[in-house]
C-alpha cells in the first residue's frame, strides 16, 4: 500500500508548482514604459504576417497541426498520445496587411487529446473570446497563423490609438481562393 508522508506531499507540491510556473514564465513580453505608440504600431505592422480586425465566430479542434510542446512529450514517451489543436475562426471586418478573405483561422496552440480530454495550453496565446471583436496582429508560428499575447493584438474597443495610426483599412474580399482561408495542415 502506498502512503504519503509529509515530505512526499511537499515534494509533489513543489514539482506541480514549478511545472505550472514554468508555463507562466515561458512567455515574457518586453514593453518599454516610454513606448511611442506610433513607432510600436509600425513595428508591430512590420513584424506581423497579417493585420486585420475581426469578430470571433467559433472554435474547433483539428488534427495534423503540430505543437512543439506535445511533440516533445511524444518524443520522450513510450506511448505517444494523439492530440488536436484549437483553432479560432474569425469573420474579417477590415485588413491592413495581407489579402484576407471574409474569414480566417488562427491556431491557438491550445491542445487536447483526440478523445476530447486533457491537453495543454501554452502561455503565450492571446485568449480570444467568442463573440468579441479584435484588432489582430497575426504572425507565423510553426508555419501557422497565430496571435501572440506579446503582440499588439487587443479588443477592438481598446484599439483606438492603433486604428488611428493604421488608417482606413481595406474591406475583405469574398474569394475562397485567397491565402490563409484555412489552417495549413500539410506539415503532418
N, C-alpha and C. Protein backbone atom coordinates (compact mmCIF):
# COMPACT_ATOMS: atom_id res chain seq x y z
N UNK A 1 0.85 -1.19 0.00
CA UNK A 1 0.00 0.00 0.00
C UNK A 1 0.88 1.24 0.00
N UNK A 2 0.48 2.25 -0.73
CA UNK A 2 1.24 3.48 -0.88
C UNK A 2 0.77 4.51 0.16
N UNK A 3 1.72 5.03 0.94
CA UNK A 3 1.38 6.04 1.94
C UNK A 3 2.13 7.32 1.63
N UNK A 4 1.43 8.43 1.76
CA UNK A 4 2.07 9.72 1.55
C UNK A 4 2.45 10.30 2.90
N UNK A 5 3.73 10.56 3.09
CA UNK A 5 4.14 11.25 4.29
C UNK A 5 4.30 12.73 3.95
N UNK A 6 4.60 13.53 4.93
CA UNK A 6 4.68 14.97 4.75
C UNK A 6 5.73 15.35 3.70
N UNK A 7 6.89 14.70 3.69
CA UNK A 7 7.95 15.01 2.74
C UNK A 7 7.51 14.70 1.30
N UNK A 8 6.82 13.60 1.10
CA UNK A 8 6.35 13.25 -0.24
C UNK A 8 5.32 14.25 -0.74
N UNK A 9 4.43 14.67 0.14
CA UNK A 9 3.41 15.65 -0.23
C UNK A 9 4.07 16.97 -0.62
N UNK A 10 5.03 17.43 0.17
CA UNK A 10 5.74 18.68 -0.13
C UNK A 10 6.49 18.54 -1.45
N UNK A 11 7.15 17.41 -1.65
CA UNK A 11 7.89 17.17 -2.88
C UNK A 11 6.96 17.21 -4.09
N UNK A 12 5.82 16.53 -4.04
CA UNK A 12 4.86 16.53 -5.13
C UNK A 12 4.30 17.93 -5.37
N UNK A 13 4.00 18.64 -4.31
CA UNK A 13 3.51 20.01 -4.43
C UNK A 13 4.55 20.89 -5.13
N UNK A 14 5.81 20.76 -4.73
CA UNK A 14 6.89 21.56 -5.32
C UNK A 14 7.02 21.27 -6.81
N UNK A 15 6.95 20.00 -7.20
CA UNK A 15 7.04 19.66 -8.62
C UNK A 15 5.88 20.28 -9.40
N UNK A 16 4.66 20.15 -8.88
CA UNK A 16 3.50 20.74 -9.54
C UNK A 16 3.63 22.25 -9.64
N UNK A 17 4.11 22.88 -8.58
CA UNK A 17 4.28 24.32 -8.57
C UNK A 17 5.28 24.76 -9.63
N UNK A 18 6.44 24.13 -9.69
CA UNK A 18 7.46 24.51 -10.65
C UNK A 18 7.04 24.22 -12.08
N UNK A 19 6.29 23.17 -12.31
CA UNK A 19 5.79 22.90 -13.66
C UNK A 19 4.80 23.96 -14.08
N UNK A 20 3.92 24.38 -13.18
CA UNK A 20 2.95 25.41 -13.53
C UNK A 20 3.62 26.76 -13.71
N UNK A 21 4.61 27.06 -12.90
CA UNK A 21 5.33 28.33 -13.02
C UNK A 21 6.11 28.37 -14.33
N UNK A 22 6.67 27.23 -14.76
CA UNK A 22 7.44 27.23 -16.00
C UNK A 22 6.57 27.61 -17.18
N UNK A 23 5.28 27.21 -17.18
CA UNK A 23 4.39 27.62 -18.26
C UNK A 23 4.11 29.11 -18.19
N UNK A 24 3.95 29.65 -17.00
CA UNK A 24 3.69 31.07 -16.84
C UNK A 24 4.90 31.88 -17.25
N UNK A 25 6.08 31.44 -16.83
CA UNK A 25 7.30 32.18 -17.14
C UNK A 25 7.77 31.99 -18.57
N UNK A 26 7.20 31.03 -19.27
CA UNK A 26 7.63 30.73 -20.63
C UNK A 26 7.39 31.90 -21.58
N UNK A 27 6.48 32.77 -21.25
CA UNK A 27 6.16 33.88 -22.13
C UNK A 27 6.46 35.19 -21.41
N UNK A 28 7.43 35.90 -21.92
CA UNK A 28 7.78 37.20 -21.34
C UNK A 28 7.73 38.24 -22.44
N UNK A 29 6.99 39.29 -22.19
CA UNK A 29 6.86 40.37 -23.15
C UNK A 29 7.73 41.54 -22.69
N UNK A 30 8.45 42.12 -23.62
CA UNK A 30 9.28 43.28 -23.31
C UNK A 30 8.54 44.51 -23.81
N UNK A 31 8.13 45.34 -22.87
CA UNK A 31 7.39 46.55 -23.20
C UNK A 31 8.10 47.73 -22.56
N UNK A 32 8.37 48.72 -23.37
CA UNK A 32 9.03 49.92 -22.86
C UNK A 32 7.99 50.83 -22.21
N UNK A 33 8.26 51.33 -21.00
CA UNK A 33 7.29 52.21 -20.35
C UNK A 33 7.10 53.54 -21.10
N UNK A 34 8.10 53.95 -21.85
CA UNK A 34 8.03 55.20 -22.62
C UNK A 34 7.79 54.94 -24.10
N UNK A 35 7.08 53.86 -24.38
CA UNK A 35 6.86 53.44 -25.75
C UNK A 35 6.07 54.48 -26.53
N UNK A 36 6.57 54.83 -27.71
CA UNK A 36 5.87 55.70 -28.63
C UNK A 36 4.87 54.84 -29.39
N UNK A 37 3.59 55.16 -29.28
CA UNK A 37 2.54 54.32 -29.86
C UNK A 37 2.71 54.20 -31.37
N UNK A 38 3.02 55.30 -32.03
CA UNK A 38 3.20 55.26 -33.49
C UNK A 38 4.32 54.32 -33.90
N UNK A 39 5.45 54.40 -33.21
CA UNK A 39 6.57 53.51 -33.51
C UNK A 39 6.20 52.06 -33.20
N UNK A 40 5.50 51.84 -32.08
CA UNK A 40 5.12 50.48 -31.69
C UNK A 40 4.15 49.86 -32.70
N UNK A 41 3.19 50.65 -33.18
CA UNK A 41 2.24 50.14 -34.17
C UNK A 41 2.96 49.82 -35.48
N UNK A 42 3.83 50.72 -35.92
CA UNK A 42 4.56 50.48 -37.17
C UNK A 42 5.49 49.27 -37.06
N UNK A 43 6.12 49.11 -35.92
CA UNK A 43 6.98 47.94 -35.71
C UNK A 43 6.14 46.65 -35.71
N UNK A 44 4.99 46.68 -35.03
CA UNK A 44 4.10 45.52 -34.99
C UNK A 44 3.57 45.20 -36.39
N UNK A 45 3.27 46.23 -37.17
CA UNK A 45 2.80 46.05 -38.54
C UNK A 45 3.89 45.37 -39.38
N UNK A 46 5.12 45.84 -39.23
CA UNK A 46 6.24 45.24 -39.97
C UNK A 46 6.50 43.80 -39.55
N UNK A 47 6.38 43.52 -38.24
CA UNK A 47 6.69 42.19 -37.71
C UNK A 47 5.57 41.17 -37.93
N UNK A 48 4.39 41.62 -38.30
CA UNK A 48 3.23 40.73 -38.44
C UNK A 48 3.10 40.24 -39.87
N UNK A 49 2.61 39.03 -39.99
CA UNK A 49 2.31 38.45 -41.30
C UNK A 49 1.02 39.07 -41.84
N UNK A 50 0.05 39.27 -40.94
CA UNK A 50 -1.23 39.86 -41.31
C UNK A 50 -1.74 40.73 -40.17
N UNK A 51 -2.41 41.81 -40.54
CA UNK A 51 -3.05 42.68 -39.55
C UNK A 51 -4.47 42.93 -40.04
N UNK A 52 -5.43 42.63 -39.17
CA UNK A 52 -6.83 42.77 -39.55
C UNK A 52 -7.69 42.92 -38.31
N UNK A 53 -8.92 43.40 -38.52
CA UNK A 53 -9.90 43.40 -37.43
C UNK A 53 -10.94 42.34 -37.77
N UNK A 54 -11.43 41.69 -36.73
CA UNK A 54 -12.41 40.64 -36.97
C UNK A 54 -13.11 40.22 -35.70
N UNK A 55 -14.20 39.50 -35.89
CA UNK A 55 -15.02 39.00 -34.79
C UNK A 55 -14.85 37.49 -34.70
N UNK A 56 -14.64 36.99 -33.48
CA UNK A 56 -14.52 35.54 -33.26
C UNK A 56 -15.90 34.93 -33.42
N UNK A 57 -16.01 34.00 -34.38
CA UNK A 57 -17.32 33.38 -34.63
C UNK A 57 -17.33 31.89 -34.30
N UNK A 58 -16.22 31.37 -33.83
CA UNK A 58 -16.24 29.97 -33.43
C UNK A 58 -14.87 29.40 -33.16
N UNK A 59 -14.87 28.21 -32.59
CA UNK A 59 -13.66 27.45 -32.29
C UNK A 59 -13.86 26.02 -32.77
N UNK A 60 -12.77 25.37 -33.11
CA UNK A 60 -12.82 23.95 -33.42
C UNK A 60 -11.44 23.36 -33.13
N UNK A 61 -11.41 22.06 -32.97
CA UNK A 61 -10.14 21.36 -32.77
C UNK A 61 -9.82 20.58 -34.03
N UNK A 62 -8.54 20.63 -34.45
CA UNK A 62 -8.11 19.96 -35.67
C UNK A 62 -6.87 19.11 -35.43
N UNK A 63 -6.87 17.95 -36.05
CA UNK A 63 -5.69 17.08 -36.03
C UNK A 63 -4.72 17.57 -37.10
N UNK A 64 -3.46 17.16 -36.97
CA UNK A 64 -2.48 17.42 -38.01
C UNK A 64 -1.72 18.73 -37.88
N UNK A 65 -2.05 19.53 -36.88
CA UNK A 65 -1.31 20.76 -36.63
C UNK A 65 -0.36 20.47 -35.48
N UNK A 66 0.90 20.74 -35.68
CA UNK A 66 1.91 20.34 -34.70
C UNK A 66 2.07 21.33 -33.55
N UNK A 67 2.26 20.80 -32.36
CA UNK A 67 2.55 21.56 -31.16
C UNK A 67 3.94 21.14 -30.69
N UNK A 68 4.84 22.10 -30.56
CA UNK A 68 6.19 21.79 -30.07
C UNK A 68 6.12 21.09 -28.72
N UNK A 69 5.25 21.58 -27.85
CA UNK A 69 5.13 21.01 -26.51
C UNK A 69 4.67 19.56 -26.56
N UNK A 70 3.57 19.31 -27.27
CA UNK A 70 3.04 17.95 -27.34
C UNK A 70 3.99 17.02 -28.10
N UNK A 71 4.64 17.53 -29.13
CA UNK A 71 5.61 16.71 -29.87
C UNK A 71 6.79 16.33 -28.98
N UNK A 72 7.22 17.25 -28.11
CA UNK A 72 8.32 16.92 -27.20
C UNK A 72 7.90 15.86 -26.18
N UNK A 73 6.65 15.91 -25.74
CA UNK A 73 6.14 14.88 -24.82
C UNK A 73 6.12 13.53 -25.54
N UNK A 74 5.61 13.53 -26.77
CA UNK A 74 5.54 12.28 -27.53
C UNK A 74 6.92 11.72 -27.83
N UNK A 75 7.88 12.58 -28.07
CA UNK A 75 9.24 12.14 -28.38
C UNK A 75 9.85 11.37 -27.21
N UNK A 76 9.52 11.78 -26.01
CA UNK A 76 10.08 11.16 -24.80
C UNK A 76 9.14 10.15 -24.14
N UNK A 77 8.08 9.78 -24.85
CA UNK A 77 7.09 8.88 -24.27
C UNK A 77 7.14 7.50 -24.93
N UNK A 78 6.94 6.48 -24.13
CA UNK A 78 6.88 5.12 -24.67
C UNK A 78 5.58 4.93 -25.46
N UNK A 79 4.54 5.65 -25.06
CA UNK A 79 3.25 5.55 -25.74
C UNK A 79 2.79 6.96 -26.16
N UNK A 80 3.11 7.38 -27.39
CA UNK A 80 2.71 8.71 -27.84
C UNK A 80 1.20 8.90 -27.80
N UNK A 81 0.79 10.13 -27.53
CA UNK A 81 -0.63 10.46 -27.50
C UNK A 81 -1.01 11.23 -28.75
N UNK A 82 -2.23 11.03 -29.21
CA UNK A 82 -2.75 11.80 -30.33
C UNK A 82 -3.44 13.03 -29.76
N UNK A 83 -3.25 14.15 -30.42
CA UNK A 83 -3.83 15.40 -29.93
C UNK A 83 -4.37 16.23 -31.09
N UNK A 84 -5.17 17.24 -30.72
CA UNK A 84 -5.74 18.18 -31.67
C UNK A 84 -5.42 19.59 -31.19
N UNK A 85 -5.30 20.51 -32.13
CA UNK A 85 -5.04 21.90 -31.81
C UNK A 85 -6.33 22.71 -31.92
N UNK A 86 -6.51 23.64 -31.00
CA UNK A 86 -7.68 24.52 -31.03
C UNK A 86 -7.43 25.62 -32.06
N UNK A 87 -8.42 25.83 -32.91
CA UNK A 87 -8.35 26.83 -33.97
C UNK A 87 -9.50 27.81 -33.78
N UNK A 88 -9.22 29.10 -33.98
CA UNK A 88 -10.22 30.15 -33.85
C UNK A 88 -10.65 30.60 -35.24
N UNK A 89 -11.95 30.68 -35.46
CA UNK A 89 -12.49 31.16 -36.73
C UNK A 89 -12.94 32.60 -36.53
N UNK A 90 -12.44 33.50 -37.40
CA UNK A 90 -12.80 34.92 -37.31
C UNK A 90 -13.46 35.39 -38.59
N UNK A 91 -14.44 36.27 -38.43
CA UNK A 91 -15.06 36.95 -39.55
C UNK A 91 -14.34 38.29 -39.69
N UNK A 92 -13.66 38.49 -40.80
CA UNK A 92 -12.83 39.67 -41.00
C UNK A 92 -13.69 40.88 -41.37
N UNK A 93 -13.41 42.00 -40.69
CA UNK A 93 -14.11 43.26 -40.97
C UNK A 93 -13.26 44.16 -41.87
N UNK A 94 -11.97 44.30 -41.52
CA UNK A 94 -11.03 45.12 -42.30
C UNK A 94 -9.65 44.51 -42.20
N UNK A 95 -8.81 44.80 -43.18
CA UNK A 95 -7.43 44.35 -43.10
C UNK A 95 -6.48 45.46 -43.50
N UNK A 96 -5.30 45.43 -42.91
CA UNK A 96 -4.26 46.42 -43.17
C UNK A 96 -3.01 45.78 -43.79
N UNK A 97 -2.84 44.51 -43.55
CA UNK A 97 -1.69 43.81 -44.13
C UNK A 97 -2.13 42.38 -44.46
N UNK A 98 -1.84 41.96 -45.68
CA UNK A 98 -2.26 40.64 -46.14
C UNK A 98 -3.61 40.75 -46.83
N UNK A 99 -3.80 39.97 -47.86
CA UNK A 99 -5.07 39.98 -48.61
C UNK A 99 -5.97 38.90 -48.04
N UNK A 100 -6.85 39.28 -47.14
CA UNK A 100 -7.69 38.31 -46.46
C UNK A 100 -9.07 38.20 -47.08
N UNK A 101 -9.58 36.98 -47.02
CA UNK A 101 -10.98 36.78 -47.40
C UNK A 101 -11.83 37.21 -46.22
N UNK A 102 -13.09 36.89 -46.27
CA UNK A 102 -14.01 37.30 -45.20
C UNK A 102 -13.87 36.47 -43.94
N UNK A 103 -13.16 35.34 -44.02
CA UNK A 103 -12.92 34.50 -42.84
C UNK A 103 -11.45 34.11 -42.79
N UNK A 104 -10.95 33.95 -41.56
CA UNK A 104 -9.58 33.50 -41.36
C UNK A 104 -9.54 32.61 -40.12
N UNK A 105 -8.60 31.69 -40.08
CA UNK A 105 -8.43 30.79 -38.94
C UNK A 105 -7.09 31.04 -38.30
N UNK A 106 -7.07 31.13 -36.98
CA UNK A 106 -5.82 31.28 -36.22
C UNK A 106 -5.64 30.06 -35.33
N UNK A 107 -4.42 29.56 -35.27
CA UNK A 107 -4.10 28.46 -34.37
C UNK A 107 -3.83 29.04 -32.99
N UNK A 108 -4.42 28.44 -31.96
CA UNK A 108 -4.22 28.95 -30.61
C UNK A 108 -3.10 28.26 -29.86
N UNK A 109 -2.66 27.10 -30.33
CA UNK A 109 -1.65 26.29 -29.65
C UNK A 109 -2.15 25.81 -28.29
N UNK A 110 -3.46 25.70 -28.18
CA UNK A 110 -4.09 25.00 -27.07
C UNK A 110 -4.44 23.62 -27.60
N UNK A 111 -4.08 22.59 -26.87
CA UNK A 111 -4.29 21.23 -27.35
C UNK A 111 -5.23 20.46 -26.44
N UNK A 112 -5.77 19.41 -27.00
CA UNK A 112 -6.50 18.42 -26.21
C UNK A 112 -6.21 17.07 -26.86
N UNK A 113 -6.40 16.02 -26.09
CA UNK A 113 -6.24 14.68 -26.63
C UNK A 113 -7.40 14.40 -27.57
N UNK A 114 -7.20 13.54 -28.56
CA UNK A 114 -8.24 13.29 -29.55
C UNK A 114 -9.52 12.70 -28.97
N UNK A 115 -9.45 12.18 -27.76
CA UNK A 115 -10.67 11.70 -27.11
C UNK A 115 -11.43 12.84 -26.42
N UNK A 116 -10.92 14.08 -26.56
CA UNK A 116 -11.61 15.25 -26.01
C UNK A 116 -11.21 15.59 -24.60
N UNK A 117 -10.26 14.88 -24.02
CA UNK A 117 -9.85 15.14 -22.64
C UNK A 117 -8.48 15.78 -22.59
N UNK A 118 -8.12 16.27 -21.43
CA UNK A 118 -6.76 16.73 -21.14
C UNK A 118 -6.20 17.69 -22.15
N UNK A 119 -4.87 17.70 -22.23
CA UNK A 119 -4.19 18.55 -23.18
C UNK A 119 -3.32 19.57 -22.48
N UNK A 120 -3.01 20.64 -23.20
CA UNK A 120 -2.13 21.66 -22.65
C UNK A 120 -2.49 23.03 -23.22
N UNK A 121 -1.96 24.04 -22.59
CA UNK A 121 -2.16 25.41 -23.03
C UNK A 121 -0.83 26.11 -22.90
N UNK A 122 -0.34 26.68 -24.00
CA UNK A 122 0.91 27.41 -23.96
C UNK A 122 0.61 28.86 -23.57
N UNK A 123 1.35 29.38 -22.62
CA UNK A 123 1.06 30.66 -22.01
C UNK A 123 1.12 31.88 -22.90
N UNK A 124 1.69 31.77 -24.09
CA UNK A 124 1.84 32.95 -24.95
C UNK A 124 0.67 33.16 -25.90
N UNK A 125 -0.33 32.34 -25.83
CA UNK A 125 -1.51 32.53 -26.67
C UNK A 125 -2.24 33.80 -26.26
N UNK A 126 -2.87 34.45 -27.22
CA UNK A 126 -3.78 35.52 -26.90
C UNK A 126 -5.13 34.86 -26.72
N UNK A 127 -5.78 35.08 -25.60
CA UNK A 127 -7.02 34.40 -25.27
C UNK A 127 -8.21 35.10 -25.93
N UNK A 128 -8.56 34.68 -27.13
CA UNK A 128 -9.67 35.25 -27.88
C UNK A 128 -10.99 34.65 -27.39
N UNK A 129 -12.01 35.49 -27.28
CA UNK A 129 -13.31 35.05 -26.77
C UNK A 129 -14.37 35.12 -27.87
N UNK A 130 -15.19 34.08 -27.93
CA UNK A 130 -16.23 34.02 -28.95
C UNK A 130 -17.20 35.19 -28.81
N UNK A 131 -17.56 35.79 -29.96
CA UNK A 131 -18.49 36.91 -29.98
C UNK A 131 -17.81 38.26 -29.84
N UNK A 132 -16.54 38.28 -29.47
CA UNK A 132 -15.79 39.53 -29.29
C UNK A 132 -15.05 39.90 -30.58
N UNK A 133 -14.83 41.20 -30.78
CA UNK A 133 -14.09 41.70 -31.95
C UNK A 133 -12.71 42.18 -31.50
N UNK A 134 -11.72 41.97 -32.38
CA UNK A 134 -10.32 42.26 -32.05
C UNK A 134 -9.61 42.90 -33.23
N UNK A 135 -8.56 43.63 -32.89
CA UNK A 135 -7.56 44.04 -33.87
C UNK A 135 -6.46 43.00 -33.71
N UNK A 136 -6.19 42.24 -34.77
CA UNK A 136 -5.27 41.12 -34.72
C UNK A 136 -3.98 41.44 -35.45
N UNK A 137 -2.87 41.29 -34.75
CA UNK A 137 -1.54 41.34 -35.36
C UNK A 137 -1.08 39.88 -35.39
N UNK A 138 -1.30 39.20 -36.51
CA UNK A 138 -1.03 37.76 -36.61
C UNK A 138 0.37 37.51 -37.14
N UNK A 139 1.00 36.50 -36.57
CA UNK A 139 2.34 36.11 -37.02
C UNK A 139 2.34 34.64 -37.37
N UNK A 140 3.40 34.22 -38.05
CA UNK A 140 3.55 32.80 -38.36
C UNK A 140 4.35 32.15 -37.25
N UNK A 141 3.82 31.05 -36.76
CA UNK A 141 4.50 30.25 -35.75
C UNK A 141 4.35 28.80 -36.19
N UNK A 142 5.45 28.13 -36.40
CA UNK A 142 5.43 26.76 -36.90
C UNK A 142 4.61 26.68 -38.19
N UNK A 143 4.75 27.68 -39.02
CA UNK A 143 4.07 27.75 -40.31
C UNK A 143 2.55 27.87 -40.18
N UNK A 144 2.09 28.37 -39.03
CA UNK A 144 0.66 28.56 -38.78
C UNK A 144 0.43 30.00 -38.33
N UNK A 145 -0.68 30.57 -38.74
CA UNK A 145 -1.04 31.91 -38.34
C UNK A 145 -1.57 31.90 -36.91
N UNK A 146 -1.03 32.77 -36.04
CA UNK A 146 -1.47 32.82 -34.65
C UNK A 146 -1.38 34.24 -34.12
N UNK A 147 -2.02 34.48 -33.00
CA UNK A 147 -1.97 35.78 -32.33
C UNK A 147 -1.27 35.59 -30.99
N UNK A 148 -0.13 36.17 -30.84
CA UNK A 148 0.71 36.03 -29.65
C UNK A 148 0.30 37.07 -28.61
N UNK A 149 0.36 36.70 -27.34
CA UNK A 149 -0.04 37.63 -26.28
C UNK A 149 0.89 38.84 -26.18
N UNK A 150 2.09 38.75 -26.71
CA UNK A 150 3.02 39.88 -26.68
C UNK A 150 2.86 40.80 -27.90
N UNK A 151 2.02 40.41 -28.84
CA UNK A 151 1.78 41.29 -29.99
C UNK A 151 0.85 42.42 -29.55
N UNK A 152 0.54 43.30 -30.46
CA UNK A 152 -0.38 44.40 -30.13
C UNK A 152 -1.84 43.98 -30.30
N UNK A 153 -2.11 42.70 -30.49
CA UNK A 153 -3.48 42.21 -30.59
C UNK A 153 -4.25 42.65 -29.35
N UNK A 154 -5.46 43.15 -29.59
CA UNK A 154 -6.27 43.65 -28.46
C UNK A 154 -7.73 43.73 -28.87
N UNK A 155 -8.62 43.81 -27.88
CA UNK A 155 -10.04 44.00 -28.21
C UNK A 155 -10.20 45.25 -29.07
N UNK A 156 -11.08 45.18 -30.03
CA UNK A 156 -11.26 46.29 -30.97
C UNK A 156 -11.68 47.57 -30.25
N UNK A 157 -12.46 47.45 -29.17
CA UNK A 157 -12.90 48.65 -28.45
C UNK A 157 -11.77 49.29 -27.64
N UNK A 158 -10.59 48.66 -27.59
CA UNK A 158 -9.42 49.22 -26.89
C UNK A 158 -8.30 49.55 -27.87
N UNK A 159 -8.62 49.57 -29.17
CA UNK A 159 -7.59 49.74 -30.20
C UNK A 159 -7.65 51.09 -30.90
N UNK A 160 -8.26 52.08 -30.29
CA UNK A 160 -8.45 53.38 -30.93
C UNK A 160 -7.14 54.00 -31.40
N UNK A 161 -6.11 53.98 -30.56
CA UNK A 161 -4.82 54.59 -30.93
C UNK A 161 -4.19 53.85 -32.12
N UNK A 162 -4.24 52.52 -32.09
CA UNK A 162 -3.70 51.73 -33.19
C UNK A 162 -4.45 52.02 -34.49
N UNK A 163 -5.78 52.04 -34.41
CA UNK A 163 -6.59 52.25 -35.61
C UNK A 163 -6.34 53.63 -36.22
N UNK A 164 -6.12 54.62 -35.37
CA UNK A 164 -5.83 55.97 -35.86
C UNK A 164 -4.53 55.97 -36.65
N UNK A 165 -3.53 55.26 -36.16
CA UNK A 165 -2.23 55.20 -36.83
C UNK A 165 -2.30 54.33 -38.08
N UNK A 166 -3.01 53.22 -38.01
CA UNK A 166 -3.12 52.32 -39.16
C UNK A 166 -3.89 52.96 -40.31
N UNK A 167 -4.83 53.84 -39.98
CA UNK A 167 -5.63 54.49 -41.02
C UNK A 167 -6.77 53.60 -41.47
N UNK A 168 -7.38 54.00 -42.56
CA UNK A 168 -8.54 53.27 -43.07
C UNK A 168 -8.08 51.92 -43.62
N UNK A 169 -8.70 50.89 -43.12
CA UNK A 169 -8.40 49.54 -43.60
C UNK A 169 -9.14 49.24 -44.88
N UNK A 170 -8.82 48.10 -45.47
CA UNK A 170 -9.49 47.65 -46.69
C UNK A 170 -10.53 46.61 -46.33
N UNK A 171 -11.59 46.58 -47.12
CA UNK A 171 -12.66 45.61 -46.90
C UNK A 171 -12.16 44.22 -47.31
N UNK A 172 -12.63 43.18 -46.62
CA UNK A 172 -12.25 41.82 -47.02
C UNK A 172 -12.85 41.47 -48.38
N UNK A 173 -12.23 40.53 -49.05
CA UNK A 173 -12.66 40.12 -50.38
C UNK A 173 -13.34 38.75 -50.28
N UNK A 174 -14.51 38.64 -50.86
CA UNK A 174 -15.24 37.36 -50.86
C UNK A 174 -14.65 36.49 -51.97
N UNK A 175 -13.61 35.73 -51.58
CA UNK A 175 -12.93 34.87 -52.55
C UNK A 175 -12.30 33.71 -51.80
N UNK A 176 -12.78 32.53 -52.00
CA UNK A 176 -12.28 31.37 -51.28
C UNK A 176 -10.89 30.93 -51.71
N UNK A 177 -10.33 31.52 -52.75
CA UNK A 177 -9.00 31.12 -53.23
C UNK A 177 -7.88 31.95 -52.63
N UNK A 178 -8.22 32.89 -51.75
CA UNK A 178 -7.19 33.71 -51.13
C UNK A 178 -6.40 32.89 -50.12
N UNK A 179 -5.12 33.25 -49.89
CA UNK A 179 -4.33 32.51 -48.89
C UNK A 179 -4.88 32.72 -47.49
N UNK A 180 -4.55 31.79 -46.59
CA UNK A 180 -4.91 31.85 -45.19
C UNK A 180 -6.41 31.73 -44.94
N UNK A 181 -7.14 31.20 -45.91
CA UNK A 181 -8.56 30.89 -45.69
C UNK A 181 -8.68 29.78 -44.67
N UNK A 182 -7.75 28.87 -44.69
CA UNK A 182 -7.77 27.77 -43.72
C UNK A 182 -6.39 27.55 -43.15
N UNK A 183 -6.33 26.76 -42.15
CA UNK A 183 -5.07 26.47 -41.47
C UNK A 183 -4.30 25.43 -42.28
N UNK A 184 -3.02 25.65 -42.45
CA UNK A 184 -2.15 24.72 -43.17
C UNK A 184 -1.90 23.48 -42.32
N UNK A 185 -2.36 22.34 -42.79
CA UNK A 185 -2.10 21.09 -42.07
C UNK A 185 -1.23 20.16 -42.91
N UNK A 186 -0.51 20.72 -43.87
CA UNK A 186 0.30 19.92 -44.77
C UNK A 186 1.59 19.42 -44.13
N UNK A 187 1.91 19.87 -42.93
CA UNK A 187 3.15 19.50 -42.27
C UNK A 187 3.01 18.24 -41.42
N UNK A 188 2.07 17.38 -41.74
CA UNK A 188 1.83 16.18 -40.92
C UNK A 188 3.02 15.29 -40.87
